Amino acid sequence: MSPTRRTWRGTLRRLPWWLAAAALAIGCLIWIYPFLWMVSASLKTSAEVFTKGLDLLPGDPVWENFERAWGSAKFGTYLLNTVIVTVATVVIVVVRCAMAGYVIARHEFRGRRIVMGVLVATLFVPAGYTIIPLVDLAQRLGMLNSLTGMIVAMSGGAHVAAVLLYVGYFRGLPKELTESALIDGAGFATVFFRIMLPLAKPVTATVTVLTFLSTWNAFFLPLVFTFSRPDLRTVSVGMLAFVGENGTDWSGMAAAATISLLPVVALFIALQRHFVEGIAGAVKS
C-alpha cells in the first residue's frame, strides 16, 4: 500500500473525531459568548453597548466603569456582604447535609424510608411557597434585617440534592472503616469528622460549588431580607442600583456583573476536578 493511500485512510478514520471536536468547539464558543460580551460591555460606554451590537472589541476601554461600580454604586460593600453570607451558608450546608447523608446511609433506624420520602417530596415544593412563613418566622425572631437572618434562611432549606449526594457516596464506602473505628472506642463525632468527612472530599467539593453558586446568585430571598437595609444588599440585589427612573447604566451593570462573577469562576476552576469526581462517585454508588 502506498504511503499516500495509507495517509488518506488514516485521515478518513480520524474524520469523525475532527468533526466532533469542531462541533464541540463551536458549542463552547456559543456557550461562553454571553460571558465574553459582558466583559466587553464592561469596557464600553453606554452608547457603544448599543451601537456596536455583538462586537466584542471596545473602541477605547473605559476602566472608569469598574471604578464607578466599585465606589459610587457601593459594589465593594455588596461584595463583602455576599462573601460573608455565601461562606457561612456553604459551611453550614456542608456540615449539616454531610451528617444527614451519613446517618441515612450508614445507620439503621425506624422511619428511614419515610425521611427519604419526605426529603424527595420537598424537591417538588416551589421555593416561593415558603418565603412568607420564612419571613414571618425571621421577623418574630428579630432576624429579618440582618446578615445572620439571611444566612439562617439560606442554609435552613432541605438541600435535598446535597443530602442525596452524600447518601450515595457514603453507601459506597466499606463498613469495615466505621466498625474498626468503633472497636477502637471512637464515637460518632470522631468517626464522622476524622474518617468519613475527609473521605468524602469529592462530594464536599461538589456540594460546595453547587451551594456557592445558588447562594451567590440568590436574588429573591436577599431582596426581601434587605428591604429596609440597603447596606446589607448582596451583589445580585445590588444590580438594582444601576437601574434608574430615566434609564439604566448598562456599562456599569456589566462591570459590576464581571466583578461578581470572578470569584465564581475562580472557585469552579479550583474545584472542577473534585466536582466531576463527586458527581461521578455519587451516581456510580
Protein backbone atom coordinates (compact mmCIF):
# COMPACT_ATOMS: atom_id res chain seq x y z
CA MET A 1 0.00 0.00 0.00
CA SER A 2 1.39 3.41 -0.97
CA PRO A 3 2.16 5.99 1.73
CA THR A 4 -0.34 8.40 0.17
CA ARG A 5 -3.16 5.86 0.35
CA ARG A 6 -2.24 4.98 3.91
CA THR A 7 -2.34 8.68 4.85
CA TRP A 8 -5.80 9.11 3.30
CA ARG A 9 -7.11 6.09 5.19
CA GLY A 10 -5.77 7.47 8.46
CA THR A 11 -7.37 10.85 7.73
CA LEU A 12 -10.75 9.26 6.94
CA ARG A 13 -10.53 7.18 10.10
CA ARG A 14 -9.97 10.34 12.18
CA LEU A 15 -12.64 12.35 10.37
CA PRO A 16 -15.43 11.63 12.94
CA TRP A 17 -13.09 12.75 15.72
CA TRP A 18 -12.30 16.01 13.91
CA LEU A 19 -15.99 16.64 13.24
CA ALA A 20 -16.84 16.03 16.91
CA ALA A 21 -14.02 18.33 18.01
CA ALA A 22 -15.21 21.07 15.64
CA ALA A 23 -18.80 20.73 16.87
CA LEU A 24 -17.67 20.92 20.50
CA ALA A 25 -15.52 23.98 19.75
CA ILE A 26 -18.47 25.76 18.13
CA GLY A 27 -20.70 24.77 21.05
CA CYS A 28 -18.15 26.10 23.57
CA LEU A 29 -17.89 29.39 21.67
CA ILE A 30 -21.67 29.80 21.67
CA TRP A 31 -21.77 28.88 25.36
CA ILE A 32 -19.13 31.38 26.53
CA TYR A 33 -20.06 34.18 24.12
CA PRO A 34 -22.51 35.89 26.55
CA PHE A 35 -19.77 35.99 29.20
CA LEU A 36 -17.26 37.44 26.72
CA TRP A 37 -19.81 40.02 25.58
CA MET A 38 -20.48 41.03 29.18
CA VAL A 39 -16.76 41.55 29.82
CA SER A 40 -16.55 43.56 26.60
CA ALA A 41 -19.58 45.67 27.53
CA SER A 42 -17.96 46.49 30.87
CA LEU A 43 -15.21 48.30 28.94
CA LYS A 44 -17.55 50.23 26.64
CA THR A 45 -19.55 53.40 27.05
CA SER A 46 -23.31 53.14 27.39
CA ALA A 47 -23.67 54.31 23.79
CA GLU A 48 -21.21 51.69 22.49
CA VAL A 49 -23.17 48.91 24.17
CA PHE A 50 -25.97 49.55 21.67
CA THR A 51 -24.13 50.93 18.64
CA LYS A 52 -21.54 48.12 18.43
CA GLY A 53 -24.10 45.37 18.87
CA LEU A 54 -22.42 41.96 19.12
CA ASP A 55 -18.92 43.29 18.57
CA LEU A 56 -16.56 42.10 21.33
CA LEU A 57 -13.84 44.71 20.82
CA PRO A 58 -14.42 48.05 22.60
CA GLY A 59 -13.16 51.13 20.81
CA ASP A 60 -11.37 52.72 23.77
CA PRO A 61 -11.53 50.69 27.04
CA VAL A 62 -13.39 52.64 29.73
CA TRP A 63 -11.88 51.42 33.01
CA GLU A 64 -13.87 54.05 34.88
CA ASN A 65 -16.86 51.71 34.65
CA PHE A 66 -15.23 49.43 37.23
CA GLU A 67 -14.36 52.39 39.46
CA ARG A 68 -17.96 53.61 39.28
CA ALA A 69 -19.34 50.17 40.02
CA TRP A 70 -16.97 49.59 42.95
CA GLY A 71 -17.22 53.03 44.56
CA SER A 72 -20.28 55.00 43.51
CA ALA A 73 -22.60 52.00 43.38
CA LYS A 74 -21.16 50.63 46.66
CA PHE A 75 -20.44 47.30 45.00
CA GLY A 76 -17.47 46.75 47.30
CA THR A 77 -19.87 46.64 50.26
CA TYR A 78 -22.28 44.36 48.42
CA LEU A 79 -19.45 42.02 47.50
CA LEU A 80 -18.31 41.80 51.14
CA ASN A 81 -21.88 41.04 52.27
CA THR A 82 -22.15 38.33 49.63
CA VAL A 83 -18.87 36.72 50.67
CA ILE A 84 -19.95 36.61 54.33
CA VAL A 85 -23.38 35.16 53.55
CA THR A 86 -22.07 32.66 50.99
CA VAL A 87 -19.14 31.32 53.02
CA ALA A 88 -21.25 30.90 56.17
CA THR A 89 -24.05 29.24 54.22
CA VAL A 90 -21.66 26.83 52.47
CA VAL A 91 -20.08 25.76 55.78
CA ILE A 92 -23.44 25.15 57.46
CA VAL A 93 -24.90 23.30 54.47
CA VAL A 94 -21.84 21.06 54.03
CA VAL A 95 -21.71 20.01 57.69
CA ARG A 96 -25.47 19.59 58.05
CA CYS A 97 -26.03 17.70 54.79
CA ALA A 98 -22.95 15.53 55.33
CA MET A 99 -24.23 14.48 58.76
CA ALA A 100 -27.71 13.79 57.40
CA GLY A 101 -26.34 11.79 54.49
CA TYR A 102 -24.01 9.81 56.75
CA VAL A 103 -26.78 8.88 59.19
CA ILE A 104 -29.23 7.90 56.43
CA ALA A 105 -26.63 5.87 54.55
CA ARG A 106 -24.84 4.09 57.41
CA HIS A 107 -27.33 3.79 60.28
CA GLU A 108 -30.50 1.73 60.55
CA PHE A 109 -33.39 3.46 62.32
CA ARG A 110 -37.17 3.42 62.20
CA GLY A 111 -38.72 5.69 59.65
CA ARG A 112 -35.63 5.99 57.45
CA ARG A 113 -37.66 5.40 54.30
CA ILE A 114 -40.21 7.96 55.45
CA VAL A 115 -37.46 10.52 55.97
CA MET A 116 -36.10 9.84 52.48
CA GLY A 117 -39.60 10.13 51.03
CA VAL A 118 -40.19 13.48 52.72
CA LEU A 119 -36.83 14.77 51.52
CA VAL A 120 -37.53 13.78 47.93
CA ALA A 121 -41.06 15.25 48.15
CA THR A 122 -39.64 18.66 49.07
CA LEU A 123 -38.00 18.79 45.64
CA PHE A 124 -41.45 19.42 44.17
CA VAL A 125 -42.29 22.32 46.50
CA PRO A 126 -41.64 25.70 44.79
CA ALA A 127 -39.34 27.96 46.78
CA GLY A 128 -41.83 30.84 46.52
CA TYR A 129 -44.34 28.97 48.67
CA THR A 130 -42.02 29.04 51.69
CA ILE A 131 -40.99 32.69 51.56
CA ILE A 132 -43.99 34.01 53.55
CA PRO A 133 -43.64 31.70 56.61
CA LEU A 134 -39.87 32.12 56.40
CA VAL A 135 -40.06 35.91 56.55
CA ASP A 136 -42.69 35.78 59.29
CA LEU A 137 -40.50 33.47 61.40
CA ALA A 138 -37.44 35.66 60.84
CA GLN A 139 -39.40 38.74 61.88
CA ARG A 140 -40.65 37.08 65.06
CA LEU A 141 -37.06 36.10 65.93
CA GLY A 142 -35.76 39.61 65.21
CA MET A 143 -33.52 38.38 62.38
CA LEU A 144 -35.26 39.89 59.35
CA ASN A 145 -32.95 42.80 58.55
CA SER A 146 -29.61 41.19 59.28
CA LEU A 147 -26.95 39.08 57.61
CA THR A 148 -27.43 36.44 60.32
CA GLY A 149 -31.08 36.02 59.40
CA MET A 150 -30.17 35.80 55.73
CA ILE A 151 -27.58 33.11 56.46
CA VAL A 152 -30.04 31.06 58.54
CA ALA A 153 -32.69 31.39 55.83
CA MET A 154 -30.31 30.40 53.02
CA SER A 155 -28.81 27.45 54.88
CA GLY A 156 -32.01 26.23 56.55
CA GLY A 157 -33.61 24.69 53.48
CA ALA A 158 -33.78 20.98 52.78
CA HIS A 159 -30.89 20.94 50.27
CA VAL A 160 -32.06 17.52 49.15
CA ALA A 161 -29.59 17.23 46.27
CA ALA A 162 -26.65 17.68 48.65
CA VAL A 163 -28.04 15.13 51.11
CA LEU A 164 -28.60 12.57 48.35
CA LEU A 165 -25.08 13.08 47.02
CA TYR A 166 -23.65 12.28 50.46
CA VAL A 167 -26.02 9.32 50.88
CA GLY A 168 -24.87 7.80 47.59
CA TYR A 169 -21.21 8.33 48.39
CA PHE A 170 -21.28 7.05 51.98
CA ARG A 171 -23.16 3.93 50.93
CA GLY A 172 -20.27 3.02 48.65
CA LEU A 173 -17.65 3.14 51.42
CA PRO A 174 -16.74 -0.15 53.15
CA LYS A 175 -18.38 -0.72 56.52
CA GLU A 176 -15.10 -2.00 57.97
CA LEU A 177 -13.91 1.61 58.25
CA THR A 178 -16.53 2.55 60.82
CA GLU A 179 -16.53 -0.86 62.52
CA SER A 180 -12.79 -0.76 63.21
CA ALA A 181 -13.06 2.81 64.50
CA LEU A 182 -15.91 1.86 66.83
CA ILE A 183 -13.93 -1.12 68.14
CA ASP A 184 -11.08 1.28 68.97
CA GLY A 185 -13.51 3.34 71.04
CA ALA A 186 -14.23 6.18 68.64
CA GLY A 187 -17.57 7.94 69.00
CA PHE A 188 -19.93 9.31 66.38
CA ALA A 189 -18.24 12.69 66.13
CA THR A 190 -14.77 11.15 65.81
CA VAL A 191 -15.86 8.68 63.13
CA PHE A 192 -17.68 11.35 61.17
CA PHE A 193 -15.24 14.27 61.34
CA ARG A 194 -11.95 12.36 61.27
CA ILE A 195 -12.77 9.44 58.95
CA MET A 196 -15.94 9.82 56.89
CA LEU A 197 -15.96 13.54 56.10
CA PRO A 198 -12.32 13.62 54.88
CA LEU A 199 -13.03 10.62 52.62
CA ALA A 200 -16.00 12.47 51.13
CA LYS A 201 -13.80 15.28 49.79
CA PRO A 202 -15.06 14.93 46.15
CA VAL A 203 -18.70 15.16 47.25
CA THR A 204 -17.87 18.04 49.58
CA ALA A 205 -16.30 19.89 46.64
CA THR A 206 -19.43 19.25 44.57
CA VAL A 207 -21.79 20.44 47.31
CA THR A 208 -19.55 23.46 47.93
CA VAL A 209 -19.70 24.52 44.30
CA LEU A 210 -23.46 23.97 43.99
CA THR A 211 -24.26 25.75 47.25
CA PHE A 212 -21.84 28.56 46.45
CA LEU A 213 -23.48 29.15 43.07
CA SER A 214 -27.05 29.07 44.39
CA THR A 215 -26.26 31.35 47.34
CA TRP A 216 -24.08 33.77 45.38
CA ASN A 217 -26.75 34.20 42.68
CA ALA A 218 -29.77 34.24 45.02
CA PHE A 219 -31.98 37.26 44.47
CA PHE A 220 -35.47 36.90 45.89
CA LEU A 221 -34.58 35.99 49.48
CA PRO A 222 -31.79 38.59 49.89
CA LEU A 223 -34.11 41.19 48.37
CA VAL A 224 -36.81 40.51 50.97
CA PHE A 225 -34.29 40.47 53.83
CA THR A 226 -32.76 43.85 52.83
CA PHE A 227 -35.83 45.93 52.02
CA SER A 228 -35.17 48.39 54.84
CA ARG A 229 -31.38 47.87 54.97
CA PRO A 230 -29.84 48.69 51.56
CA ASP A 231 -26.37 48.49 53.13
CA LEU A 232 -26.87 44.72 53.59
CA ARG A 233 -27.60 44.01 49.93
CA THR A 234 -25.80 41.22 48.09
CA VAL A 235 -24.33 41.56 44.60
CA SER A 236 -27.42 40.18 42.86
CA VAL A 237 -29.69 42.67 44.63
CA GLY A 238 -27.08 45.41 44.27
CA MET A 239 -27.53 45.29 40.48
CA LEU A 240 -30.71 47.29 41.04
CA ALA A 241 -28.51 50.30 41.82
CA PHE A 242 -27.79 50.66 38.10
CA VAL A 243 -31.47 50.87 37.19
CA GLY A 244 -32.76 54.42 37.47
CA GLU A 245 -36.06 56.12 36.78
CA ASN A 246 -34.88 57.61 33.49
CA GLY A 247 -32.54 54.89 32.26
CA THR A 248 -30.17 52.04 33.01
CA ASP A 249 -26.39 52.23 33.31
CA TRP A 250 -25.69 49.14 31.17
CA SER A 251 -21.90 49.54 31.09
CA GLY A 252 -21.73 49.98 34.85
CA MET A 253 -24.01 46.97 35.33
CA ALA A 254 -21.77 44.89 33.05
CA ALA A 255 -18.71 45.95 35.06
CA ALA A 256 -20.43 45.02 38.32
CA ALA A 257 -21.52 41.66 36.89
CA THR A 258 -17.96 40.96 35.75
CA ILE A 259 -16.63 41.69 39.24
CA SER A 260 -19.27 39.46 40.84
CA LEU A 261 -18.52 36.52 38.51
CA LEU A 262 -14.76 36.45 39.06
CA PRO A 263 -14.96 34.61 42.45
CA VAL A 264 -17.39 32.07 40.97
CA VAL A 265 -15.12 31.32 38.00
CA ALA A 266 -12.06 31.08 40.26
CA LEU A 267 -13.81 28.65 42.64
CA PHE A 268 -15.00 26.41 39.83
CA ILE A 269 -11.55 26.30 38.22
CA ALA A 270 -10.00 25.36 41.57
CA LEU A 271 -12.55 22.62 42.35
CA GLN A 272 -13.59 21.38 38.91
CA ARG A 273 -11.70 18.07 39.20
CA HIS A 274 -13.22 17.28 42.60
CA PHE A 275 -16.61 18.50 41.35
CA VAL A 276 -16.65 15.97 38.49
CA GLU A 277 -15.34 13.17 40.75
CA GLY A 278 -18.04 13.89 43.32
CA ILE A 279 -20.86 13.76 40.76
CA ALA A 280 -19.47 10.60 39.15
CA GLY A 281 -18.86 8.89 42.50
CA ALA A 282 -22.33 9.64 43.87
CA VAL A 283 -24.06 8.49 40.67
CA LYS A 284 -21.90 5.34 40.50
CA SER A 285 -22.77 4.45 44.08
